[in-house]
């Protein structure tokens, strides 16, 4: 029979051993993907990806295969594989394009370099030192009741809104707008809303915010009732969209950016064209990347696709 003193001693020893470092952590391991070091998935301190089944102990200790700065390529652009737990991606993560566990994903950057677009083509023009420098000149938000305007013109078809009753001030004012203007208005409602990867649907922000394609999806759906796919590349390729030259873009059109300007397969960002500011610079309304908010900015031409897409 085990005495109470012995039981207490065993319990203390067990507690102490639980606090000591695992003897199997830090040992060399070898998996089909390559050699690595056994590490704790709880600490998530692996600069690469975990492979289970090649380290002693329970499943929280797995073989960490080093893969620092491993390049990856997704439909939304090129990036570097990284661990989502570290939350150090200056852009957004996409699963399925990096080896290993589900938390090792492709980090695709979403740059927001401020530069202006030239009139009629997509060549680079003068650089501006700060987007904020032109905030005072940005087009003012449309001062209309969006829901009431859409409801008053729920049966409209075509580019311009046709008034049903010109004696109604609201409808009369709506007659001067296009559905593109209303798309801009729908997006302007969310200025200042934070960027959230995968955020946004027809009803508004999801998980507390929007990503670039989610903002476009919401604004277009709000006005046209057409639900776009929640991916910038798919929106660009959608047959329902009408491609227009940059010299012919109108407010409400979607602007796209692609790696190497390979817009058929490498689109990584989308925004809504607002119009020109007081200085004649073209303005886009978009959700840039992690750590930013929905905002307006001067259109930059680096990787800008040669045509916009009109969904209205």
Protein backbone atom coordinates (compact mmCIF):
# COMPACT_ATOMS: atom_id res chain seq x y z
CA UNK A 1 0.00 0.00 0.00
CA UNK A 2 1.35 3.37 -1.04
CA UNK A 3 1.57 5.90 1.79
CA UNK A 4 0.16 9.42 1.53
CA UNK A 5 3.69 10.81 1.78
CA UNK A 6 4.73 8.74 -1.24
CA UNK A 7 1.72 9.95 -3.22
CA UNK A 8 2.51 13.57 -2.45
CA UNK A 9 6.14 13.02 -3.43
CA UNK A 10 5.10 11.45 -6.75
CA UNK A 11 2.68 14.31 -7.47
CA UNK A 12 5.32 16.94 -6.80
CA UNK A 13 7.79 15.11 -9.00
CA UNK A 14 5.22 14.92 -11.80
CA UNK A 15 4.45 18.65 -11.52
CA UNK A 16 8.13 19.53 -11.56
CA UNK A 17 8.79 17.39 -14.61
CA UNK A 18 5.91 19.10 -16.43
CA UNK A 19 7.65 22.43 -15.90
CA UNK A 20 11.00 21.21 -17.19
CA UNK A 21 11.85 21.47 -20.92
CA UNK A 22 10.82 18.47 -23.00
CA UNK A 23 13.86 16.31 -23.69
CA UNK A 24 12.63 15.64 -27.25
CA UNK A 25 12.30 19.34 -28.17
CA UNK A 26 15.36 20.54 -30.03
CA UNK A 27 16.41 17.09 -31.23
CA UNK A 28 17.08 16.46 -34.90
CA UNK A 29 14.24 14.89 -36.90
CA UNK A 30 13.88 13.66 -40.44
CA UNK A 31 10.66 13.76 -42.46
CA UNK A 32 9.98 13.05 -46.15
CA UNK A 33 10.09 16.82 -46.74
CA UNK A 34 13.59 17.07 -45.27
CA UNK A 35 15.51 17.27 -42.01
CA UNK A 36 14.45 19.55 -39.19
CA UNK A 37 14.29 20.07 -35.45
CA UNK A 38 11.57 18.89 -33.09
CA UNK A 39 9.61 21.86 -31.78
CA UNK A 40 6.46 22.73 -29.87
CA UNK A 41 3.43 23.59 -31.98
CA UNK A 42 2.03 25.37 -28.93
CA UNK A 43 4.87 27.91 -28.96
CA UNK A 44 4.64 28.17 -32.78
CA UNK A 45 8.27 29.31 -32.99
CA UNK A 46 9.04 27.40 -36.19
CA UNK A 47 10.48 29.44 -39.08
CA UNK A 48 8.90 27.06 -41.53
CA UNK A 49 6.27 24.35 -41.21
CA UNK A 50 5.50 21.47 -38.89
CA UNK A 51 5.28 17.81 -39.95
CA UNK A 52 3.65 15.45 -37.43
CA UNK A 53 4.77 11.92 -36.67
CA UNK A 54 8.55 12.31 -36.73
CA UNK A 55 9.27 13.37 -33.15
CA UNK A 56 8.82 11.46 -29.88
CA UNK A 57 6.12 12.49 -27.45
CA UNK A 58 2.59 13.70 -28.04
CA UNK A 59 1.28 15.43 -31.16
CA UNK A 60 2.18 18.91 -29.88
CA UNK A 61 5.82 18.12 -30.63
CA UNK A 62 6.41 17.97 -34.38
CA UNK A 63 9.26 18.17 -36.86
CA UNK A 64 9.93 21.80 -37.85
CA UNK A 65 11.25 22.02 -41.41
CA UNK A 66 13.01 25.34 -41.92
CA UNK A 67 11.61 27.23 -44.93
CA UNK A 68 12.48 30.87 -44.31
CA UNK A 69 11.87 33.19 -47.28
CA UNK A 70 10.42 30.38 -49.39
CA UNK A 71 8.75 31.93 -52.43
CA UNK A 72 5.15 31.11 -53.30
CA UNK A 73 2.72 32.04 -56.06
CA UNK A 74 -1.07 32.40 -55.84
CA UNK A 75 -3.79 33.63 -58.22
CA UNK A 76 -3.70 36.91 -56.27
CA UNK A 77 0.05 37.41 -56.67
CA UNK A 78 3.48 36.21 -55.59
CA UNK A 79 4.64 36.17 -51.99
CA UNK A 80 6.67 34.51 -49.25
CA UNK A 81 5.53 31.54 -47.15
CA UNK A 82 5.06 32.42 -43.48
CA UNK A 83 3.28 31.37 -40.33
CA UNK A 84 -0.12 32.92 -39.76
CA UNK A 85 0.29 32.82 -35.95
CA UNK A 86 3.05 35.43 -36.14
CA UNK A 87 0.73 37.91 -37.86
CA UNK A 88 3.67 39.70 -39.49
CA UNK A 89 2.40 39.61 -43.07
CA UNK A 90 2.22 43.07 -44.63
CA UNK A 91 -0.58 41.96 -46.90
CA UNK A 92 -2.76 38.86 -46.72
CA UNK A 93 -2.33 35.11 -46.28
CA UNK A 94 -3.60 32.56 -48.82
CA UNK A 95 -3.79 28.88 -47.86
CA UNK A 96 -2.86 25.99 -50.13
CA UNK A 97 0.26 27.41 -51.80
CA UNK A 98 2.92 26.46 -49.23
CA UNK A 99 3.96 23.01 -48.00
CA UNK A 100 3.26 21.65 -44.56
CA UNK A 101 0.57 22.43 -42.02
CA UNK A 102 -2.45 24.70 -42.50
CA UNK A 103 -0.84 27.62 -40.65
CA UNK A 104 2.04 27.88 -43.15
CA UNK A 105 0.54 30.05 -45.88
CA UNK A 106 1.56 32.35 -48.72
CA UNK A 107 1.86 35.98 -47.62
CA UNK A 108 1.01 38.15 -50.63
CA UNK A 109 1.94 41.82 -50.10
CA UNK A 110 -0.55 44.53 -51.02
CA UNK A 111 1.55 47.61 -51.74
CA UNK A 112 -0.06 51.02 -51.81
CA UNK A 113 2.50 53.25 -53.53
CA UNK A 114 1.05 56.71 -54.22
CA UNK A 115 1.51 57.82 -57.80
CA UNK A 116 -0.80 59.33 -60.34
CA UNK A 117 -2.20 57.80 -63.50
CA UNK A 118 -1.62 59.42 -66.88
CA UNK A 119 -4.56 60.43 -69.01
CA UNK A 120 -5.48 57.77 -71.53
CA UNK A 121 -2.99 55.04 -70.72
CA UNK A 122 -1.31 53.27 -67.82
CA UNK A 123 2.21 54.69 -68.01
CA UNK A 124 3.76 56.15 -64.86
CA UNK A 125 3.53 59.90 -64.37
CA UNK A 126 4.75 62.25 -61.64
CA UNK A 127 5.31 60.73 -58.21
CA UNK A 128 3.66 62.32 -55.18
CA UNK A 129 5.35 62.23 -51.82
CA UNK A 130 2.28 61.49 -49.72
CA UNK A 131 -1.28 60.35 -50.30
CA UNK A 132 -2.35 62.44 -47.33
CA UNK A 133 -1.03 65.56 -49.06
CA UNK A 134 -3.96 65.51 -51.48
CA UNK A 135 -6.71 64.58 -49.00
CA UNK A 136 -8.14 68.10 -49.09
CA UNK A 137 -8.53 67.85 -52.85
CA UNK A 138 -10.28 64.47 -52.88
CA UNK A 139 -13.81 64.27 -54.30
CA UNK A 140 -16.37 64.82 -51.54
CA UNK A 141 -18.71 61.90 -50.68
CA UNK A 142 -22.06 62.02 -52.47
CA UNK A 143 -24.65 63.58 -50.14
CA UNK A 144 -27.65 61.38 -50.95
CA UNK A 145 -29.75 58.73 -49.22
CA UNK A 146 -28.42 55.64 -50.97
CA UNK A 147 -31.11 53.18 -49.88
CA UNK A 148 -33.94 55.57 -50.75
CA UNK A 149 -32.40 56.36 -54.13
CA UNK A 150 -31.98 52.69 -55.01
CA UNK A 151 -35.51 51.90 -53.81
CA UNK A 152 -36.97 54.72 -55.89
CA UNK A 153 -35.24 53.33 -58.96
CA UNK A 154 -35.40 49.61 -58.28
CA UNK A 155 -36.29 48.73 -61.87
CA UNK A 156 -33.63 50.72 -63.68
CA UNK A 157 -31.72 49.07 -66.49
CA UNK A 158 -28.76 50.63 -68.27
CA UNK A 159 -26.09 53.16 -67.42
CA UNK A 160 -28.16 56.10 -66.20
CA UNK A 161 -30.99 56.25 -63.70
CA UNK A 162 -34.29 57.26 -65.30
CA UNK A 163 -36.58 59.24 -62.96
CA UNK A 164 -40.08 57.85 -62.44
CA UNK A 165 -41.42 61.11 -61.01
CA UNK A 166 -39.53 64.30 -61.83
CA UNK A 167 -41.62 66.22 -59.28
CA UNK A 168 -40.00 64.22 -56.47
CA UNK A 169 -36.80 66.11 -55.46
CA UNK A 170 -35.05 62.88 -54.49
CA UNK A 171 -35.87 61.18 -57.76
CA UNK A 172 -35.06 64.31 -59.75
CA UNK A 173 -31.63 64.47 -58.16
CA UNK A 174 -31.14 60.76 -58.73
CA UNK A 175 -31.70 61.36 -62.44
CA UNK A 176 -28.33 63.12 -62.55
CA UNK A 177 -26.55 60.06 -61.16
CA UNK A 178 -25.47 56.79 -62.68
CA UNK A 179 -25.41 53.43 -61.01
CA UNK A 180 -21.65 53.88 -61.01
CA UNK A 181 -22.10 56.94 -58.78
CA UNK A 182 -24.23 54.87 -56.44
CA UNK A 183 -21.55 52.17 -56.29
CA UNK A 184 -19.10 54.85 -55.18
CA UNK A 185 -21.62 56.03 -52.57
CA UNK A 186 -22.08 52.48 -51.27
CA UNK A 187 -18.33 52.13 -50.79
CA UNK A 188 -17.89 55.63 -49.29
CA UNK A 189 -20.16 54.62 -46.42
CA UNK A 190 -17.34 52.44 -45.13
CA UNK A 191 -14.46 54.91 -45.26
CA UNK A 192 -12.30 54.28 -42.20
CA UNK A 193 -13.42 50.66 -41.78
CA UNK A 194 -10.46 48.39 -41.10
CA UNK A 195 -8.98 45.95 -43.59
CA UNK A 196 -9.81 42.32 -42.78
CA UNK A 197 -8.65 39.54 -45.07
CA UNK A 198 -11.70 37.74 -46.44
CA UNK A 199 -14.01 40.45 -45.08
CA UNK A 200 -17.09 41.82 -46.81
CA UNK A 201 -20.22 40.52 -48.50
CA UNK A 202 -23.46 41.90 -49.97
CA UNK A 203 -24.67 42.88 -46.51
CA UNK A 204 -21.58 44.85 -45.51
CA UNK A 205 -18.41 44.15 -43.53
CA UNK A 206 -17.77 40.68 -42.10
CA UNK A 207 -15.43 39.85 -39.23
CA UNK A 208 -15.25 43.59 -38.63
CA UNK A 209 -14.08 44.83 -42.01
CA UNK A 210 -13.37 44.42 -45.72
CA UNK A 211 -10.59 43.24 -47.96
CA UNK A 212 -10.14 44.77 -51.42
CA UNK A 213 -12.41 42.41 -53.37
CA UNK A 214 -14.93 42.27 -50.52
CA UNK A 215 -15.43 46.04 -50.67
CA UNK A 216 -16.03 45.93 -54.43
CA UNK A 217 -18.33 42.92 -54.02
CA UNK A 218 -20.41 44.78 -51.43
CA UNK A 219 -20.73 48.07 -53.31
CA UNK A 220 -21.69 46.42 -56.61
CA UNK A 221 -24.15 44.05 -54.93
CA UNK A 222 -25.74 46.89 -52.95
CA UNK A 223 -26.61 48.77 -56.13
CA UNK A 224 -27.05 46.11 -58.82
CA UNK A 225 -28.00 43.04 -56.71
CA UNK A 226 -25.34 41.12 -58.65
CA UNK A 227 -23.04 39.12 -56.36
CA UNK A 228 -19.45 39.10 -57.57
CA UNK A 229 -16.92 36.41 -56.60
CA UNK A 230 -14.84 37.26 -53.53
CA UNK A 231 -11.49 37.26 -55.30
CA UNK A 232 -9.87 40.07 -57.29
CA UNK A 233 -8.69 37.79 -60.10
CA UNK A 234 -12.14 36.23 -60.51
CA UNK A 235 -13.75 39.67 -60.60
CA UNK A 236 -11.39 40.77 -63.37
CA UNK A 237 -12.12 37.64 -65.43
CA UNK A 238 -15.89 37.66 -64.84
CA UNK A 239 -17.80 37.63 -68.13
CA UNK A 240 -20.54 39.81 -66.65
CA UNK A 241 -18.06 42.67 -66.43
CA UNK A 242 -17.43 45.04 -69.33
CA UNK A 243 -13.77 45.95 -69.87
CA UNK A 244 -13.23 49.62 -70.67
CA UNK A 245 -10.10 51.55 -71.60
CA UNK A 246 -8.54 53.69 -68.89
CA UNK A 247 -9.25 56.76 -71.00
CA UNK A 248 -12.97 55.93 -70.78
CA UNK A 249 -13.36 54.99 -67.12
CA UNK A 250 -16.22 56.42 -65.10
CA UNK A 251 -16.92 56.57 -61.36
CA UNK A 252 -17.94 53.14 -60.10
CA UNK A 253 -15.65 51.19 -62.45
CA UNK A 254 -13.26 48.69 -60.87
CA UNK A 255 -9.50 49.20 -61.26
CA UNK A 256 -7.16 46.21 -60.99
CA UNK A 257 -3.47 45.69 -60.30
CA UNK A 258 -1.49 42.59 -61.28
CA UNK A 259 2.03 41.31 -60.77
CA UNK A 260 4.01 42.13 -63.90
CA UNK A 261 0.74 43.52 -65.34
CA UNK A 262 -0.22 39.92 -66.16
CA UNK A 263 -3.85 40.71 -65.56
CA UNK A 264 -5.23 37.44 -66.91
CA UNK A 265 -3.70 35.44 -64.07
CA UNK A 266 -1.75 37.60 -61.60
CA UNK A 267 -4.27 40.17 -60.29
CA UNK A 268 -3.60 40.95 -56.63
CA UNK A 269 -5.62 44.11 -55.89
CA UNK A 270 -8.83 45.89 -56.87
CA UNK A 271 -10.41 49.24 -56.02
CA UNK A 272 -13.31 51.47 -57.09
CA UNK A 273 -12.64 54.49 -59.30
CA UNK A 274 -14.11 57.62 -57.69
CA UNK A 275 -13.27 60.38 -60.15
CA UNK A 276 -10.74 63.22 -60.29
CA UNK A 277 -9.67 65.56 -57.51
CA UNK A 278 -9.30 69.34 -57.88
CA UNK A 279 -5.85 68.89 -59.38
CA UNK A 280 -7.10 66.48 -62.01
CA UNK A 281 -5.58 63.41 -60.39
CA UNK A 282 -7.57 60.21 -60.53
CA UNK A 283 -8.74 58.76 -57.22
CA UNK A 284 -9.45 55.19 -56.15
CA UNK A 285 -11.42 54.04 -53.11
CA UNK A 286 -10.07 50.76 -51.76
CA UNK A 287 -9.16 48.52 -48.83
CA UNK A 288 -5.35 48.39 -49.16
CA UNK A 289 -3.93 45.70 -46.86
CA UNK A 290 -3.61 44.46 -43.27
CA UNK A 291 -3.09 47.32 -40.82
CA UNK A 292 -4.92 49.90 -42.95
CA UNK A 293 -8.52 51.06 -43.41
CA UNK A 294 -10.87 51.69 -46.32
CA UNK A 295 -9.70 54.97 -47.83
CA UNK A 296 -9.27 57.09 -50.94
CA UNK A 297 -5.89 57.45 -52.62
CA UNK A 298 -4.32 58.79 -55.77
CA UNK A 299 -4.29 56.03 -58.40
CA UNK A 300 -0.82 54.53 -58.81
CA UNK A 301 0.27 53.02 -62.12
CA UNK A 302 2.75 50.43 -60.91
CA UNK A 303 1.19 47.10 -62.02
CA UNK A 304 -2.10 48.82 -62.97
CA UNK A 305 -4.05 46.79 -65.54
CA UNK A 306 -4.66 48.45 -68.89
CA UNK A 307 -8.43 48.28 -68.61
CA UNK A 308 -11.03 48.75 -65.90
CA UNK A 309 -14.13 46.60 -65.46
CA UNK A 310 -17.67 47.99 -65.34
CA UNK A 311 -20.20 45.88 -63.45
CA UNK A 312 -23.11 48.30 -63.76
